[in-house]
Amino acid sequence: MLEIRLKELRNKANITQKELAESINTSQQNIAFYEKGERKPKHDMVEKLANFFNVSTDYLLGKTDIPEPESDIDLDSAIDNSVAYDGTPITDNDREIIKDFLKDYFANKNKYEPK
């Protein structure tokens, strides 16, 4: 899915592979490999691409059809405002685990609902 979304976003932005590559400090060849699906970008590169196009990494990876990254910000805010368990503050690792669980839950909500 990344190869399709990346190419669509780049074309929508009306920029070349070379222009994108220069903007995120990589090579045009890497962008071409990603768009052809011949190479998978590392996590930090997915984040750079998502930031460049102002979309979520989940959108780029095909985990959601909602491009806006604000949902992650809302989720972080909700987690930050939650009460820490037994007085222990929530760590960054805890936050990521909670976010992953909630994303999975909402993506597969029908599995969890009583029948």
PDB file of N, CA and C in Angstrom:
ATOM      1  N   MET A   1       0.819  -1.195   0.000  1.00  0.00           N
ATOM      2  CA  MET A   1       0.000   0.000   0.000  1.00  0.00           C
ATOM      3  C   MET A   1       0.859   1.253   0.000  1.00  0.00           C
ATOM      4  N   LEU A   2       2.016   1.218   0.686  1.00  0.00           N
ATOM      5  CA  LEU A   2       2.871   2.394   0.751  1.00  0.00           C
ATOM      6  C   LEU A   2       3.242   2.877  -0.643  1.00  0.00           C
ATOM      7  N   GLU A   3       3.569   1.958  -1.531  1.00  0.00           N
ATOM      8  CA  GLU A   3       3.997   2.381  -2.866  1.00  0.00           C
ATOM      9  C   GLU A   3       2.892   3.145  -3.594  1.00  0.00           C
ATOM     10  N   ILE A   4       1.643   2.727  -3.424  1.00  0.00           N
ATOM     11  CA  ILE A   4       0.514   3.408  -4.073  1.00  0.00           C
ATOM     12  C   ILE A   4       0.279   4.771  -3.446  1.00  0.00           C
ATOM     13  N   ARG A   5       0.229   4.809  -2.121  1.00  0.00           N
ATOM     14  CA  ARG A   5      -0.051   6.065  -1.424  1.00  0.00           C
ATOM     15  C   ARG A   5       1.065   7.079  -1.640  1.00  0.00           C
ATOM     16  N   LEU A   6       2.292   6.616  -1.604  1.00  0.00           N
ATOM     17  CA  LEU A   6       3.421   7.527  -1.792  1.00  0.00           C
ATOM     18  C   LEU A   6       3.359   8.181  -3.170  1.00  0.00           C
ATOM     19  N   LYS A   7       3.147   7.381  -4.182  1.00  0.00           N
ATOM     20  CA  LYS A   7       3.095   7.923  -5.543  1.00  0.00           C
ATOM     21  C   LYS A   7       1.904   8.875  -5.701  1.00  0.00           C
ATOM     22  N   GLU A   8       0.749   8.506  -5.148  1.00  0.00           N
ATOM     23  CA  GLU A   8      -0.426   9.378  -5.217  1.00  0.00           C
ATOM     24  C   GLU A   8      -0.165  10.720  -4.541  1.00  0.00           C
ATOM     25  N   LEU A   9       0.413  10.679  -3.342  1.00  0.00           N
ATOM     26  CA  LEU A   9       0.699  11.916  -2.609  1.00  0.00           C
ATOM     27  C   LEU A   9       1.712  12.780  -3.350  1.00  0.00           C
ATOM     28  N   ARG A  10       2.728  12.139  -3.898  1.00  0.00           N
ATOM     29  CA  ARG A  10       3.752  12.901  -4.631  1.00  0.00           C
ATOM     30  C   ARG A  10       3.154  13.544  -5.872  1.00  0.00           C
ATOM     31  N   ASN A  11       2.345  12.792  -6.614  1.00  0.00           N
ATOM     32  CA  ASN A  11       1.709  13.351  -7.815  1.00  0.00           C
ATOM     33  C   ASN A  11       0.731  14.464  -7.461  1.00  0.00           C
ATOM     34  N   LYS A  12      -0.020  14.273  -6.387  1.00  0.00           N
ATOM     35  CA  LYS A  12      -0.967  15.304  -5.932  1.00  0.00           C
ATOM     36  C   LYS A  12      -0.229  16.589  -5.552  1.00  0.00           C
ATOM     37  N   ALA A  13       0.951  16.442  -4.968  1.00  0.00           N
ATOM     38  CA  ALA A  13       1.763  17.603  -4.593  1.00  0.00           C
ATOM     39  C   ALA A  13       2.492  18.192  -5.798  1.00  0.00           C
ATOM     40  N   ASN A  14       2.410  17.496  -6.923  1.00  0.00           N
ATOM     41  CA  ASN A  14       3.027  17.940  -8.167  1.00  0.00           C
ATOM     42  C   ASN A  14       4.545  18.145  -8.019  1.00  0.00           C
ATOM     43  N   ILE A  15       5.198  17.143  -7.429  1.00  0.00           N
ATOM     44  CA  ILE A  15       6.653  17.198  -7.291  1.00  0.00           C
ATOM     45  C   ILE A  15       7.261  15.927  -7.877  1.00  0.00           C
ATOM     46  N   THR A  16       8.504  16.024  -8.260  1.00  0.00           N
ATOM     47  CA  THR A  16       9.209  14.880  -8.828  1.00  0.00           C
ATOM     48  C   THR A  16       9.798  14.023  -7.712  1.00  0.00           C
ATOM     49  N   GLN A  17      10.221  12.828  -8.083  1.00  0.00           N
ATOM     50  CA  GLN A  17      10.899  11.968  -7.114  1.00  0.00           C
ATOM     51  C   GLN A  17      12.156  12.657  -6.598  1.00  0.00           C
ATOM     52  N   LYS A  18      12.853  13.326  -7.480  1.00  0.00           N
ATOM     53  CA  LYS A  18      14.088  14.008  -7.089  1.00  0.00           C
ATOM     54  C   LYS A  18      13.798  15.128  -6.095  1.00  0.00           C
ATOM     55  N   GLU A  19      12.755  15.910  -6.340  1.00  0.00           N
ATOM     56  CA  GLU A  19      12.406  16.997  -5.420  1.00  0.00           C
ATOM     57  C   GLU A  19      12.019  16.453  -4.045  1.00  0.00           C
ATOM     58  N   LEU A  20      11.252  15.381  -4.043  1.00  0.00           N
ATOM     59  CA  LEU A  20      10.881  14.758  -2.775  1.00  0.00           C
ATOM     60  C   LEU A  20      12.117  14.247  -2.048  1.00  0.00           C
ATOM     61  N   ALA A  21      12.970  13.560  -2.780  1.00  0.00           N
ATOM     62  CA  ALA A  21      14.188  12.997  -2.191  1.00  0.00           C
ATOM     63  C   ALA A  21      15.045  14.087  -1.552  1.00  0.00           C
ATOM     64  N   GLU A  22      15.212  15.187  -2.260  1.00  0.00           N
ATOM     65  CA  GLU A  22      16.020  16.288  -1.718  1.00  0.00           C
ATOM     66  C   GLU A  22      15.380  16.880  -0.468  1.00  0.00           C
ATOM     67  N   SER A  23      14.057  16.940  -0.444  1.00  0.00           N
ATOM     68  CA  SER A  23      13.351  17.527   0.696  1.00  0.00           C
ATOM     69  C   SER A  23      13.471  16.698   1.965  1.00  0.00           C
ATOM     70  N   ILE A  24      13.608  15.384   1.806  1.00  0.00           N
ATOM     71  CA  ILE A  24      13.680  14.520   2.997  1.00  0.00           C
ATOM     72  C   ILE A  24      15.053  13.878   3.158  1.00  0.00           C
ATOM     73  N   ASN A  25      16.024  14.377   2.393  1.00  0.00           N
ATOM     74  CA  ASN A  25      17.417  13.958   2.543  1.00  0.00           C
ATOM     75  C   ASN A  25      17.643  12.474   2.238  1.00  0.00           C
ATOM     76  N   THR A  26      17.190  12.069   1.067  1.00  0.00           N
ATOM     77  CA  THR A  26      17.463  10.721   0.595  1.00  0.00           C
ATOM     78  C   THR A  26      17.733  10.810  -0.906  1.00  0.00           C
ATOM     79  N   SER A  27      17.856   9.677  -1.561  1.00  0.00           N
ATOM     80  CA  SER A  27      18.140   9.698  -2.999  1.00  0.00           C
ATOM     81  C   SER A  27      16.865   9.502  -3.812  1.00  0.00           C
ATOM     82  N   GLN A  28      16.896   9.971  -5.032  1.00  0.00           N
ATOM     83  CA  GLN A  28      15.776   9.769  -5.954  1.00  0.00           C
ATOM     84  C   GLN A  28      15.585   8.281  -6.184  1.00  0.00           C
ATOM     85  N   GLN A  29      16.672   7.540  -6.202  1.00  0.00           N
ATOM     86  CA  GLN A  29      16.612   6.096  -6.413  1.00  0.00           C
ATOM     87  C   GLN A  29      15.812   5.405  -5.292  1.00  0.00           C
ATOM     88  N   ASN A  30      16.021   5.860  -4.049  1.00  0.00           N
ATOM     89  CA  ASN A  30      15.260   5.284  -2.940  1.00  0.00           C
ATOM     90  C   ASN A  30      13.763   5.529  -3.123  1.00  0.00           C
ATOM     91  N   ILE A  31      13.396   6.741  -3.509  1.00  0.00           N
ATOM     92  CA  ILE A  31      11.980   7.064  -3.727  1.00  0.00           C
ATOM     93  C   ILE A  31      11.412   6.159  -4.822  1.00  0.00           C
ATOM     94  N   ALA A  32      12.164   5.974  -5.891  1.00  0.00           N
ATOM     95  CA  ALA A  32      11.717   5.106  -6.988  1.00  0.00           C
ATOM     96  C   ALA A  32      11.526   3.673  -6.483  1.00  0.00           C
ATOM     97  N   PHE A  33      12.462   3.171  -5.684  1.00  0.00           N
ATOM     98  CA  PHE A  33      12.340   1.823  -5.119  1.00  0.00           C
ATOM     99  C   PHE A  33      11.080   1.707  -4.252  1.00  0.00           C
ATOM    100  N   TYR A  34      10.817   2.736  -3.413  1.00  0.00           N
ATOM    101  CA  TYR A  34       9.638   2.710  -2.547  1.00  0.00           C
ATOM    102  C   TYR A  34       8.365   2.690  -3.385  1.00  0.00           C
ATOM    103  N   GLU A  35       8.330   3.516  -4.424  1.00  0.00           N
ATOM    104  CA  GLU A  35       7.130   3.603  -5.259  1.00  0.00           C
ATOM    105  C   GLU A  35       6.893   2.341  -6.083  1.00  0.00           C
ATOM    106  N   LYS A  36       7.933   1.634  -6.396  1.00  0.00           N
ATOM    107  CA  LYS A  36       7.794   0.379  -7.146  1.00  0.00           C
ATOM    108  C   LYS A  36       7.557  -0.808  -6.209  1.00  0.00           C
ATOM    109  N   GLY A  37       7.703  -0.589  -4.913  1.00  0.00           N
ATOM    110  CA  GLY A  37       7.544  -1.672  -3.954  1.00  0.00           C
ATOM    111  C   GLY A  37       8.743  -2.599  -3.904  1.00  0.00           C
ATOM    112  N   GLU A  38       9.855  -2.149  -4.444  1.00  0.00           N
ATOM    113  CA  GLU A  38      11.062  -2.979  -4.465  1.00  0.00           C
ATOM    114  C   GLU A  38      11.856  -2.885  -3.166  1.00  0.00           C
ATOM    115  N   ARG A  39      11.566  -1.862  -2.390  1.00  0.00           N
ATOM    116  CA  ARG A  39      12.235  -1.665  -1.114  1.00  0.00           C
ATOM    117  C   ARG A  39      11.235  -1.089  -0.120  1.00  0.00           C
ATOM    118  N   LYS A  40      11.339  -1.500   1.115  1.00  0.00           N
ATOM    119  CA  LYS A  40      10.501  -0.956   2.179  1.00  0.00           C
ATOM    120  C   LYS A  40      11.325   0.050   2.977  1.00  0.00           C
ATOM    121  N   PRO A  41      10.799   1.260   3.150  1.00  0.00           N
ATOM    122  CA  PRO A  41      11.554   2.245   3.926  1.00  0.00           C
ATOM    123  C   PRO A  41      11.584   1.879   5.408  1.00  0.00           C
ATOM    124  N   LYS A  42      12.652   2.278   6.074  1.00  0.00           N
ATOM    125  CA  LYS A  42      12.757   2.082   7.520  1.00  0.00           C
ATOM    126  C   LYS A  42      11.776   3.027   8.202  1.00  0.00           C
ATOM    127  N   HIS A  43      11.535   2.763   9.483  1.00  0.00           N
ATOM    128  CA  HIS A  43      10.542   3.530  10.237  1.00  0.00           C
ATOM    129  C   HIS A  43      10.812   5.033  10.198  1.00  0.00           C
ATOM    130  N   ASP A  44      12.069   5.439  10.368  1.00  0.00           N
ATOM    131  CA  ASP A  44      12.362   6.872  10.379  1.00  0.00           C
ATOM    132  C   ASP A  44      12.068   7.510   9.020  1.00  0.00           C
ATOM    133  N   MET A  45      12.242   6.763   7.935  1.00  0.00           N
ATOM    134  CA  MET A  45      11.936   7.286   6.607  1.00  0.00           C
ATOM    135  C   MET A  45      10.422   7.391   6.405  1.00  0.00           C
ATOM    136  N   VAL A  46       9.677   6.432   6.921  1.00  0.00           N
ATOM    137  CA  VAL A  46       8.212   6.509   6.841  1.00  0.00           C
ATOM    138  C   VAL A  46       7.731   7.760   7.571  1.00  0.00           C
ATOM    139  N   GLU A  47       8.330   8.036   8.721  1.00  0.00           N
ATOM    140  CA  GLU A  47       7.969   9.239   9.475  1.00  0.00           C
ATOM    141  C   GLU A  47       8.305  10.509   8.691  1.00  0.00           C
ATOM    142  N   LYS A  48       9.463  10.542   8.056  1.00  0.00           N
ATOM    143  CA  LYS A  48       9.832  11.709   7.237  1.00  0.00           C
ATOM    144  C   LYS A  48       8.837  11.919   6.098  1.00  0.00           C
ATOM    145  N   LEU A  49       8.466  10.827   5.440  1.00  0.00           N
ATOM    146  CA  LEU A  49       7.511  10.921   4.342  1.00  0.00           C
ATOM    147  C   LEU A  49       6.149  11.400   4.846  1.00  0.00           C
ATOM    148  N   ALA A  50       5.704  10.846   5.957  1.00  0.00           N
ATOM    149  CA  ALA A  50       4.417  11.244   6.532  1.00  0.00           C
ATOM    150  C   ALA A  50       4.430  12.719   6.922  1.00  0.00           C
ATOM    151  N   ASN A  51       5.504  13.156   7.551  1.00  0.00           N
ATOM    152  CA  ASN A  51       5.620  14.568   7.939  1.00  0.00           C
ATOM    153  C   ASN A  51       5.639  15.475   6.717  1.00  0.00           C
ATOM    154  N   PHE A  52       6.353  15.060   5.694  1.00  0.00           N
ATOM    155  CA  PHE A  52       6.444  15.874   4.482  1.00  0.00           C
ATOM    156  C   PHE A  52       5.058  16.089   3.870  1.00  0.00           C
ATOM    157  N   PHE A  53       4.268  15.016   3.794  1.00  0.00           N
ATOM    158  CA  PHE A  53       2.950  15.106   3.165  1.00  0.00           C
ATOM    159  C   PHE A  53       1.831  15.435   4.159  1.00  0.00           C
ATOM    160  N   ASN A  54       2.199  15.597   5.425  1.00  0.00           N
ATOM    161  CA  ASN A  54       1.245  15.909   6.486  1.00  0.00           C
ATOM    162  C   ASN A  54       0.130  14.863   6.566  1.00  0.00           C
ATOM    163  N   VAL A  55       0.544  13.612   6.580  1.00  0.00           N
ATOM    164  CA  VAL A  55      -0.378  12.489   6.755  1.00  0.00           C
ATOM    165  C   VAL A  55       0.171  11.618   7.883  1.00  0.00           C
ATOM    166  N   SER A  56      -0.643  10.708   8.366  1.00  0.00           N
ATOM    167  CA  SER A  56      -0.160   9.799   9.408  1.00  0.00           C
ATOM    168  C   SER A  56       0.650   8.669   8.788  1.00  0.00           C
ATOM    169  N   THR A  57       1.525   8.094   9.581  1.00  0.00           N
ATOM    170  CA  THR A  57       2.287   6.936   9.098  1.00  0.00           C
ATOM    171  C   THR A  57       1.344   5.772   8.830  1.00  0.00           C
ATOM    172  N   ASP A  58       0.294   5.659   9.624  1.00  0.00           N
ATOM    173  CA  ASP A  58      -0.687   4.595   9.394  1.00  0.00           C
ATOM    174  C   ASP A  58      -1.350   4.744   8.028  1.00  0.00           C
ATOM    175  N   TYR A  59      -1.617   5.975   7.616  1.00  0.00           N
ATOM    176  CA  TYR A  59      -2.203   6.202   6.299  1.00  0.00           C
ATOM    177  C   TYR A  59      -1.232   5.757   5.202  1.00  0.00           C
ATOM    178  N   LEU A  60       0.021   6.157   5.332  1.00  0.00           N
ATOM    179  CA  LEU A  60       1.024   5.763   4.335  1.00  0.00           C
ATOM    180  C   LEU A  60       1.146   4.246   4.227  1.00  0.00           C
ATOM    181  N   LEU A  61       1.071   3.577   5.350  1.00  0.00           N
ATOM    182  CA  LEU A  61       1.249   2.122   5.380  1.00  0.00           C
ATOM    183  C   LEU A  61      -0.033   1.354   5.066  1.00  0.00           C
ATOM    184  N   GLY A  62      -1.129   2.073   4.864  1.00  0.00           N
ATOM    185  CA  GLY A  62      -2.383   1.418   4.513  1.00  0.00           C
ATOM    186  C   GLY A  62      -3.156   0.862   5.694  1.00  0.00           C
ATOM    187  N   LYS A  63      -2.797   1.268   6.912  1.00  0.00           N
ATOM    188  CA  LYS A  63      -3.505   0.773   8.095  1.00  0.00           C
ATOM    189  C   LYS A  63      -4.806   1.527   8.338  1.00  0.00           C
ATOM    190  N   THR A  64      -4.942   2.695   7.714  1.00  0.00           N
ATOM    191  CA  THR A  64      -6.152   3.501   7.814  1.00  0.00           C
ATOM    192  C   THR A  64      -6.348   4.243   6.503  1.00  0.00           C
ATOM    193  N   ASP A  65      -7.580   4.630   6.254  1.00  0.00           N
ATOM    194  CA  ASP A  65      -7.869   5.440   5.077  1.00  0.00           C
ATOM    195  C   ASP A  65      -8.029   6.908   5.443  1.00  0.00           C
ATOM    196  N   ILE A  66      -7.769   7.230   6.695  1.00  0.00           N
ATOM    197  CA  ILE A  66      -7.855   8.617   7.162  1.00  0.00           C
ATOM    198  C   ILE A  66      -6.451   9.206   7.125  1.00  0.00           C
ATOM    199  N   PRO A  67      -6.215  10.157   6.210  1.00  0.00           N
ATOM    200  CA  PRO A  67      -4.853  10.678   6.056  1.00  0.00           C
ATOM    201  C   PRO A  67      -4.384  11.609   7.174  1.00  0.00           C
ATOM    202  N   GLU A  68      -5.296  12.296   7.838  1.00  0.00           N
ATOM    203  CA  GLU A  68      -4.903  13.315   8.799  1.00  0.00           C
ATOM    204  C   GLU A  68      -4.200  12.728  10.010  1.00  0.00           C
ATOM    205  N   PRO A  69      -3.053  13.301  10.372  1.00  0.00           N
ATOM    206  CA  PRO A  69      -2.318  12.797  11.535  1.00  0.00           C
ATOM    207  C   PRO A  69      -2.876  13.285  12.869  1.00  0.00           C
ATOM    208  N   GLU A  70      -3.872  14.195  12.861  1.00  0.00           N
ATOM    209  CA  GLU A  70      -4.388  14.761  14.102  1.00  0.00           C
ATOM    210  C   GLU A  70      -4.939  13.704  15.045  1.00  0.00           C
ATOM    211  N   SER A  71      -5.424  12.585  14.501  1.00  0.00           N
ATOM    212  CA  SER A  71      -5.981  11.554  15.374  1.00  0.00           C
ATOM    213  C   SER A  71      -4.941  11.043  16.357  1.00  0.00           C
ATOM    214  N   ASP A  72      -3.675  10.989  15.949  1.00  0.00           N
ATOM    215  CA  ASP A  72      -2.611  10.581  16.869  1.00  0.00           C
ATOM    216  C   ASP A  72      -2.420  11.617  17.962  1.00  0.00           C
ATOM    217  N   ILE A  73      -2.535  12.893  17.608  1.00  0.00           N
ATOM    218  CA  ILE A  73      -2.380  13.962  18.587  1.00  0.00           C
ATOM    219  C   ILE A  73      -3.507  13.876  19.607  1.00  0.00           C
ATOM    220  N   ASP A  74      -4.741  13.648  19.139  1.00  0.00           N
ATOM    221  CA  ASP A  74      -5.874  13.511  20.048  1.00  0.00           C
ATOM    222  C   ASP A  74      -5.676  12.320  20.974  1.00  0.00           C
ATOM    223  N   LEU A  75      -5.179  11.244  20.431  1.00  0.00           N
ATOM    224  CA  LEU A  75      -4.952  10.041  21.225  1.00  0.00           C
ATOM    225  C   LEU A  75      -3.877  10.297  22.278  1.00  0.00           C
ATOM    226  N   ASP A  76      -2.793  10.974  21.895  1.00  0.00           N
ATOM    227  CA  ASP A  76      -1.742  11.317  22.856  1.00  0.00           C
ATOM    228  C   ASP A  76      -2.297  12.185  23.976  1.00  0.00           C
ATOM    229  N   SER A  77      -3.109  13.164  23.604  1.00  0.00           N
ATOM    230  CA  SER A  77      -3.704  14.063  24.590  1.00  0.00           C
ATOM    231  C   SER A  77      -4.594  13.293  25.558  1.00  0.00           C
ATOM    232  N   ALA A  78      -5.409  12.394  25.032  1.00  0.00           N
ATOM    233  CA  ALA A  78      -6.288  11.593  25.882  1.00  0.00           C
ATOM    234  C   ALA A  78      -5.476  10.726  26.831  1.00  0.00           C
ATOM    235  N   ILE A  79      -4.407  10.135  26.334  1.00  0.00           N
ATOM    236  CA  ILE A  79      -3.561   9.287  27.180  1.00  0.00           C
ATOM    237  C   ILE A  79      -2.869  10.136  28.248  1.00  0.00           C
ATOM    238  N   ASP A  80      -2.376  11.321  27.860  1.00  0.00           N
ATOM    239  CA  ASP A  80      -1.715  12.204  28.821  1.00  0.00           C
ATOM    240  C   ASP A  80      -2.658  12.649  29.926  1.00  0.00           C
ATOM    241  N   ASN A  81      -3.930  12.834  29.577  1.00  0.00           N
ATOM    242  CA  ASN A  81      -4.900  13.295  30.557  1.00  0.00           C
ATOM    243  C   ASN A  81      -5.484  12.161  31.399  1.00  0.00           C
ATOM    244  N   SER A  82      -5.124  10.945  31.069  1.00  0.00           N
ATOM    245  CA  SER A  82      -5.640   9.823  31.842  1.00  0.00           C
ATOM    246  C   SER A  82      -4.889   9.706  33.166  1.00  0.00           C
ATOM    247  N   VAL A  83      -5.483   9.008  34.073  1.00  0.00           N
ATOM    248  CA  VAL A  83      -4.861   8.817  35.385  1.00  0.00           C
ATOM    249  C   VAL A  83      -3.849   7.693  35.269  1.00  0.00           C
ATOM    250  N   ALA A  84      -2.671   7.935  35.803  1.00  0.00           N
ATOM    251  CA  ALA A  84      -1.634   6.903  35.787  1.00  0.00           C
ATOM    252  C   ALA A  84      -2.065   5.752  36.676  1.00  0.00           C
ATOM    253  N   TYR A  85      -1.675   4.562  36.285  1.00  0.00           N
ATOM    254  CA  TYR A  85      -2.042   3.369  37.047  1.00  0.00           C
ATOM    255  C   TYR A  85      -1.291   3.333  38.368  1.00  0.00           C
ATOM    256  N   ASP A  86      -2.034   3.222  39.449  1.00  0.00           N
ATOM    257  CA  ASP A  86      -1.448   3.075  40.785  1.00  0.00           C
ATOM    258  C   ASP A  86      -0.431   4.169  41.093  1.00  0.00           C
ATOM    259  N   GLY A  87      -0.656   5.374  40.545  1.00  0.00           N
ATOM    260  CA  GLY A  87       0.233   6.498  40.812  1.00  0.00           C
ATOM    261  C   GLY A  87       1.505   6.513  39.993  1.00  0.00           C
ATOM    262  N   THR A  88       1.706   5.508  39.158  1.00  0.00           N
ATOM    263  CA  THR A  88       2.895   5.439  38.311  1.00  0.00           C
ATOM    264  C   THR A  88       2.613   6.166  37.003  1.00  0.00           C
ATOM    265  N   PRO A  89       3.436   7.156  36.653  1.00  0.00           N
ATOM    266  CA  PRO A  89       3.183   7.889  35.413  1.00  0.00           C
ATOM    267  C   PRO A  89       3.324   7.001  34.176  1.00  0.00           C
ATOM    268  N   ILE A  90       2.625   7.370  33.114  1.00  0.00           N
ATOM    269  CA  ILE A  90       2.672   6.625  31.865  1.00  0.00           C
ATOM    270  C   ILE A  90       3.984   6.958  31.143  1.00  0.00           C
ATOM    271  N   THR A  91       4.723   5.932  30.781  1.00  0.00           N
ATOM    272  CA  THR A  91       5.986   6.132  30.050  1.00  0.00           C
ATOM    273  C   THR A  91       5.700   6.227  28.554  1.00  0.00           C
ATOM    274  N   ASP A  92       6.712   6.628  27.787  1.00  0.00           N
ATOM    275  CA  ASP A  92       6.572   6.680  26.329  1.00  0.00           C
ATOM    276  C   ASP A  92       6.250   5.297  25.769  1.00  0.00           C
ATOM    277  N   ASN A  93       6.874   4.265  26.336  1.00  0.00           N
ATOM    278  CA  ASN A  93       6.607   2.904  25.892  1.00  0.00           C
ATOM    279  C   ASN A  93       5.157   2.512  26.198  1.00  0.00           C
ATOM    280  N   ASP A  94       4.681   2.870  27.403  1.00  0.00           N
ATOM    281  CA  ASP A  94       3.279   2.605  27.759  1.00  0.00           C
ATOM    282  C   ASP A  94       2.348   3.277  26.760  1.00  0.00           C
ATOM    283  N   ARG A  95       2.647   4.528  26.432  1.00  0.00           N
ATOM    284  CA  ARG A  95       1.815   5.312  25.511  1.00  0.00           C
ATOM    285  C   ARG A  95       1.710   4.610  24.160  1.00  0.00           C
ATOM    286  N   GLU A  96       2.823   4.117  23.640  1.00  0.00           N
ATOM    287  CA  GLU A  96       2.812   3.450  22.332  1.00  0.00           C
ATOM    288  C   GLU A  96       2.008   2.149  22.379  1.00  0.00           C
ATOM    289  N   ILE A  97       2.136   1.405  23.474  1.00  0.00           N
ATOM    290  CA  ILE A  97       1.381   0.160  23.631  1.00  0.00           C
ATOM    291  C   ILE A  97      -0.114   0.462  23.689  1.00  0.00           C
ATOM    292  N   ILE A  98      -0.481   1.481  24.460  1.00  0.00           N
ATOM    293  CA  ILE A  98      -1.891   1.872  24.581  1.00  0.00           C
ATOM    294  C   ILE A  98      -2.424   2.339  23.230  1.00  0.00           C
ATOM    295  N   LYS A  99      -1.651   3.157  22.522  1.00  0.00           N
ATOM    296  CA  LYS A  99      -2.079   3.645  21.204  1.00  0.00           C
ATOM    297  C   LYS A  99      -2.275   2.487  20.235  1.00  0.00           C
ATOM    298  N   ASP A 100      -1.333   1.553  20.217  1.00  0.00           N
ATOM    299  CA  ASP A 100      -1.446   0.409  19.316  1.00  0.00           C
ATOM    300  C   ASP A 100      -2.692  -0.413  19.637  1.00  0.00           C
ATOM    301  N   PHE A 101      -2.941  -0.619  20.932  1.00  0.00           N
ATOM    302  CA  PHE A 101      -4.121  -1.380  21.323  1.00  0.00           C
ATOM    303  C   PHE A 101      -5.393  -0.666  20.879  1.00  0.00           C
ATOM    304  N   LEU A 102      -5.480   0.644  21.148  1.00  0.00           N
ATOM    305  CA  LEU A 102      -6.689   1.388  20.791  1.00  0.00           C
ATOM    306  C   LEU A 102      -6.899   1.438  19.281  1.00  0.00           C
ATOM    307  N   LYS A 103      -5.827   1.615  18.522  1.00  0.00           N
ATOM    308  CA  LYS A 103      -5.950   1.621  17.063  1.00  0.00           C
ATOM    309  C   LYS A 103      -6.463   0.272  16.569  1.00  0.00           C
ATOM    310  N   ASP A 104      -5.915  -0.807  17.126  1.00  0.00           N
ATOM    311  CA  ASP A 104      -6.359  -2.145  16.747  1.00  0.00           C
ATOM    312  C   ASP A 104      -7.810  -2.349  17.141  1.00  0.00           C
ATOM    313  N   TYR A 105      -8.162  -1.904  18.337  1.00  0.00           N
ATOM    314  CA  TYR A 105      -9.537  -2.062  18.807  1.00  0.00           C
ATOM    315  C   TYR A 105     -10.514  -1.360  17.869  1.00  0.00           C
ATOM    316  N   PHE A 106     -10.248  -0.097  17.549  1.00  0.00           N
ATOM    317  CA  PHE A 106     -11.184   0.639  16.705  1.00  0.00           C
ATOM    318  C   PHE A 106     -11.182   0.148  15.257  1.00  0.00           C
ATOM    319  N   ALA A 107     -10.059  -0.343  14.795  1.00  0.00           N
ATOM    320  CA  ALA A 107      -9.998  -0.885  13.438  1.00  0.00           C
ATOM    321  C   ALA A 107     -10.764  -2.201  13.332  1.00  0.00           C
ATOM    322  N   ASN A 108     -10.864  -2.922  14.454  1.00  0.00           N
ATOM    323  CA  ASN A 108     -11.517  -4.235  14.454  1.00  0.00           C
ATOM    324  C   ASN A 108     -12.651  -4.301  15.470  1.00  0.00           C
ATOM    325  N   LYS A 109     -13.294  -3.179  15.667  1.00  0.00           N
ATOM    326  CA  LYS A 109     -14.306  -3.048  16.715  1.00  0.00           C
ATOM    327  C   LYS A 109     -15.378  -4.130  16.642  1.00  0.00           C
ATOM    328  N   ASN A 110     -15.769  -4.511  15.454  1.00  0.00           N
ATOM    329  CA  ASN A 110     -16.822  -5.511  15.316  1.00  0.00           C
ATOM    330  C   ASN A 110     -16.442  -6.855  15.935  1.00  0.00           C
ATOM    331  N   LYS A 111     -15.162  -7.159  16.045  1.00  0.00           N
ATOM    332  CA  LYS A 111     -14.716  -8.406  16.669  1.00  0.00           C
ATOM    333  C   LYS A 111     -14.970  -8.398  18.178  1.00  0.00           C
ATOM    334  N   TYR A 112     -14.914  -7.199  18.767  1.00  0.00           N
ATOM    335  CA  TYR A 112     -14.995  -7.076  20.222  1.00  0.00           C
ATOM    336  C   TYR A 112     -16.416  -6.860  20.728  1.00  0.00           C
ATOM    337  N   GLU A 113     -17.317  -6.466  19.857  1.00  0.00           N
ATOM    338  CA  GLU A 113     -18.691  -6.180  20.282  1.00  0.00           C
ATOM    339  C   GLU A 113     -19.457  -7.481  20.509  1.00  0.00           C
ATOM    340  N   PRO A 114     -20.298  -7.511  21.549  1.00  0.00           N
ATOM    341  CA  PRO A 114     -21.095  -8.712  21.801  1.00  0.00           C
ATOM    342  C   PRO A 114     -22.096  -8.945  20.675  1.00  0.00           C
ATOM    343  N   LYS A 115     -22.376 -10.197  20.420  1.00  0.00           N
ATOM    344  CA  LYS A 115     -23.295 -10.534  19.327  1.00  0.00           C
ATOM    345  C   LYS A 115     -24.640 -10.915  19.849  1.00  0.00           C
TER     346      LYS A 115
END
